[in-house]
Amino acid sequence: MSNKRRYFSADQKVATIRKHLLEQVPISDICDELNISSNLFYKWQAEFFENGSKAFKTENNTELKKSAAKNSSLETDITHKNGVIAELVGENIRLKKQNGLI
C-alpha cells in the first residue's frame, strides 16, 4: 500500500503550535492526534518562531500601498488614453463621411 502524502496548511500548523503553547497540550498528544512525528512538530515550531517577526513588519503594508497607488495611477492613464482614442476614431469617421469615403 502506498501512503499518500498529507499536506497541512499554514493555519493548521499555527493552530497546532498554539494548542501546545496556550492550552498546554503535550506534544505527544498532539502528534498522536494528527498522526505526525514529534520531529515534524518541532520543525513547524522552529519555522514559526523564525518567521514570527514577519507578522509585525510594516514593509508589506507600505509595499501594498505603493502597489495600490501605482495601480490607481495606471488605471487613470488607461482611462485617459481610451478617451483620446475614442475622440480620434470619432474624428476619423467624421472626416471620412465628410469626404464621401463612407
Protein backbone atom coordinates (compact mmCIF):
# COMPACT_ATOMS: atom_id res chain seq x y z
CA MET A 1 0.00 0.00 0.00
CA SER A 2 1.27 3.42 -0.83
CA ASN A 3 0.98 6.13 1.77
CA LYS A 4 -0.49 9.34 0.44
CA ARG A 5 1.35 12.44 1.46
CA ARG A 6 -0.67 14.75 3.64
CA TYR A 7 -0.36 18.49 3.50
CA PHE A 8 -1.11 20.83 6.36
CA SER A 9 -1.99 24.44 5.68
CA ALA A 10 -0.20 27.28 7.44
CA ASP A 11 -3.33 27.88 9.52
CA GLN A 12 -3.41 24.24 10.63
CA LYS A 13 0.25 24.38 11.64
CA VAL A 14 -0.23 27.59 13.63
CA ALA A 15 -3.31 26.15 15.33
CA THR A 16 -1.31 23.07 16.30
CA ILE A 17 1.55 25.10 17.77
CA ARG A 18 -0.90 27.40 19.50
CA LYS A 19 -2.68 24.44 21.03
CA HIS A 20 0.60 23.36 22.62
CA LEU A 21 1.72 26.80 23.76
CA LEU A 22 -1.55 28.26 25.03
CA GLU A 23 -3.57 25.24 26.05
CA GLN A 24 -0.55 23.34 27.38
CA VAL A 25 -1.48 20.19 25.45
CA PRO A 26 1.51 17.80 25.45
CA ILE A 27 3.32 17.44 22.15
CA SER A 28 2.91 13.67 22.25
CA ASP A 29 -0.88 14.04 22.40
CA ILE A 30 -0.91 16.50 19.51
CA CYS A 31 1.33 14.27 17.40
CA ASP A 32 -0.86 11.23 18.12
CA GLU A 33 -3.97 13.19 17.23
CA LEU A 34 -2.56 14.35 13.89
CA ASN A 35 -0.57 11.17 13.28
CA ILE A 36 2.68 13.10 12.79
CA SER A 37 6.14 12.67 14.27
CA SER A 38 7.39 14.88 17.05
CA ASN A 39 10.28 15.90 14.78
CA LEU A 40 7.79 17.37 12.33
CA PHE A 41 6.08 19.29 15.14
CA TYR A 42 9.41 20.72 16.31
CA LYS A 43 10.25 21.66 12.71
CA TRP A 44 6.94 23.57 12.45
CA GLN A 45 7.62 25.25 15.78
CA ALA A 46 11.13 26.33 14.76
CA GLU A 47 9.82 27.72 11.47
CA PHE A 48 7.04 29.51 13.34
CA PHE A 49 9.46 31.25 15.69
CA GLU A 50 11.92 32.10 12.92
CA ASN A 51 9.23 33.74 10.78
CA GLY A 52 7.17 35.24 13.57
CA SER A 53 8.68 38.69 13.15
CA LYS A 54 7.09 38.98 9.68
CA ALA A 55 3.71 39.46 11.33
CA PHE A 56 4.90 42.73 12.87
CA LYS A 57 6.74 44.20 9.89
CA THR A 58 5.14 47.15 8.15
CA GLU A 59 7.08 46.73 4.91
CA ASN A 60 4.34 44.57 3.48
CA ASN A 61 1.77 47.27 4.20
CA THR A 62 3.85 50.02 2.60
CA GLU A 63 4.56 47.86 -0.43
CA LEU A 64 0.88 47.09 -0.72
CA LYS A 65 0.01 50.79 -0.50
CA LYS A 66 2.62 51.62 -3.16
CA SER A 67 1.23 48.93 -5.44
CA ALA A 68 -2.31 50.20 -4.93
CA ALA A 69 -1.25 53.77 -5.72
CA LYS A 70 0.59 52.65 -8.85
CA ASN A 71 -2.42 50.57 -9.91
CA SER A 72 -4.72 53.56 -9.46
CA SER A 73 -2.35 55.75 -11.47
CA LEU A 74 -2.20 53.22 -14.30
CA GLU A 75 -5.99 52.89 -14.35
CA THR A 76 -6.26 56.68 -14.67
CA ASP A 77 -3.77 56.67 -17.55
CA ILE A 78 -5.69 53.91 -19.35
CA THR A 79 -8.98 55.76 -18.94
CA HIS A 80 -7.41 58.93 -20.37
CA LYS A 81 -5.88 57.04 -23.30
CA ASN A 82 -9.19 55.32 -24.05
CA GLY A 83 -10.85 58.74 -24.17
CA VAL A 84 -8.24 60.08 -26.58
CA ILE A 85 -8.56 57.02 -28.83
CA ALA A 86 -12.36 57.32 -28.89
CA GLU A 87 -12.07 61.00 -29.81
CA LEU A 88 -9.61 60.25 -32.63
CA VAL A 89 -11.75 57.42 -34.03
CA GLY A 90 -14.81 59.70 -33.95
CA GLU A 91 -12.92 62.44 -35.75
CA ASN A 92 -11.65 59.94 -38.33
CA ILE A 93 -15.18 58.71 -39.04
CA ARG A 94 -16.47 62.29 -39.30
CA LEU A 95 -13.75 63.19 -41.83
CA LYS A 96 -14.41 60.05 -43.91
CA LYS A 97 -18.12 60.90 -44.06
CA GLN A 98 -17.30 64.50 -44.98
CA ASN A 99 -15.10 63.33 -47.86
CA GLY A 100 -17.61 60.72 -49.02
CA LEU A 101 -15.45 57.71 -48.21
CA ILE A 102 -18.20 56.14 -46.10
